[in-house]
Protein backbone atom coordinates (compact mmCIF):
# COMPACT_ATOMS: atom_id res chain seq x y z
CA UNK A 1 9.46 28.78 -62.23
CA UNK A 2 6.94 26.06 -61.66
CA UNK A 3 9.66 23.73 -60.27
CA UNK A 4 10.78 26.33 -57.75
CA UNK A 5 7.19 26.74 -56.47
CA UNK A 6 6.81 22.97 -56.05
CA UNK A 7 10.09 22.74 -54.20
CA UNK A 8 9.09 25.62 -51.84
CA UNK A 9 5.65 24.06 -51.23
CA UNK A 10 7.20 20.68 -50.51
CA UNK A 11 9.72 22.28 -48.14
CA UNK A 12 7.00 24.19 -46.30
CA UNK A 13 4.94 21.02 -46.08
CA UNK A 14 7.82 19.06 -44.66
CA UNK A 15 8.54 21.82 -42.12
CA UNK A 16 4.91 21.91 -41.02
CA UNK A 17 4.79 18.12 -40.83
CA UNK A 18 7.92 18.08 -38.75
CA UNK A 19 6.50 20.60 -36.26
CA UNK A 20 3.27 18.58 -36.15
CA UNK A 21 5.23 15.47 -35.26
CA UNK A 22 7.08 17.36 -32.58
CA UNK A 23 3.79 18.62 -31.07
CA UNK A 24 2.29 15.08 -31.20
CA UNK A 25 5.38 13.76 -29.42
CA UNK A 26 5.14 16.38 -26.69
CA UNK A 27 1.47 15.60 -26.24
CA UNK A 28 2.13 11.92 -25.92
CA UNK A 29 5.05 12.45 -23.55
CA UNK A 30 2.97 14.70 -21.30
CA UNK A 31 0.10 12.16 -21.28
CA UNK A 32 2.48 9.33 -20.35
CA UNK A 33 3.94 11.53 -17.58
CA UNK A 34 0.45 12.39 -16.23
CA UNK A 35 -0.62 8.73 -16.24
CA UNK A 36 2.67 7.79 -14.47
CA UNK A 37 1.99 10.35 -11.74
CA UNK A 38 -1.61 9.08 -11.33
CA UNK A 39 -0.32 5.51 -11.08
CA UNK A 40 2.25 6.40 -8.45
CA UNK A 41 -0.31 8.35 -6.40
CA UNK A 42 -2.80 5.53 -6.61
CA UNK A 43 -0.21 3.00 -5.44
CA UNK A 44 0.82 5.23 -2.54
CA UNK A 45 -2.74 5.55 -1.43
CA UNK A 46 -3.31 1.80 -1.77
CA UNK A 47 -5.94 2.02 -4.45
CA UNK A 48 -5.93 0.05 -7.68
CA UNK A 49 -5.18 2.01 -10.80
CA UNK A 50 -7.23 1.23 -13.89
CA UNK A 51 -10.33 1.90 -15.86
CA UNK A 52 -12.47 -0.50 -13.84
CA UNK A 53 -11.38 0.99 -10.54
CA UNK A 54 -12.03 4.51 -11.83
CA UNK A 55 -15.58 3.71 -12.96
CA UNK A 56 -16.27 1.73 -9.81
CA UNK A 57 -15.31 4.80 -7.78
CA UNK A 58 -17.44 7.11 -9.94
CA UNK A 59 -20.49 4.87 -9.63
CA UNK A 60 -20.49 4.91 -5.88
CA UNK A 61 -23.33 6.96 -4.42
CA UNK A 62 -22.20 10.33 -3.02
CA UNK A 63 -21.56 10.70 0.69
CA UNK A 64 -24.60 12.09 2.58
CA UNK A 65 -24.12 15.69 3.53
CA UNK A 66 -23.66 16.41 7.21
CA UNK A 67 -25.91 19.07 8.66
CA UNK A 68 -23.97 22.29 9.00
CA UNK A 69 -24.26 24.94 11.71
CA UNK A 70 -26.97 26.85 9.77
CA UNK A 71 -29.33 23.88 9.23
CA UNK A 72 -31.92 22.68 11.69
CA UNK A 73 -33.60 19.40 10.84
CA UNK A 74 -36.89 20.23 12.55
CA UNK A 75 -37.40 23.46 10.54
CA UNK A 76 -39.61 22.60 7.51
CA UNK A 77 -39.02 26.02 5.90
CA UNK A 78 -35.31 25.16 5.48
CA UNK A 79 -36.15 21.99 3.53
CA UNK A 80 -38.05 23.82 0.85
CA UNK A 81 -36.40 25.19 -2.27
CA UNK A 82 -35.14 28.71 -1.99
CA UNK A 83 -35.74 31.18 -4.82
CA UNK A 84 -32.94 33.69 -5.17
CA UNK A 85 -34.36 35.70 -8.03
CA UNK A 86 -37.91 36.73 -8.81
CA UNK A 87 -38.79 37.34 -12.42
CA UNK A 88 -40.66 40.51 -13.30
CA UNK A 89 -41.32 42.43 -16.44
CA UNK A 90 -39.66 45.74 -17.03
CA UNK A 91 -42.00 48.28 -18.68
């Protein structure tokens, strides 16, 4: 009886390990595919592909925002912070 339980546990462990290996392989294959697509897109756009290029692009200061149709640079009230919600106690 004890031998049968050990065999069943070993079989279940092997089945779970096999499915785990399959999931790991699918994850690795999808990661390789995604990196390949990013590499191709970077080459088509003429940018270098790599960790250094990624961090150099991320460290660049953001582009200054252009004034939109609703902003007027001479109006000081528009430069101040706007409060959307006022806090009040409910009795």
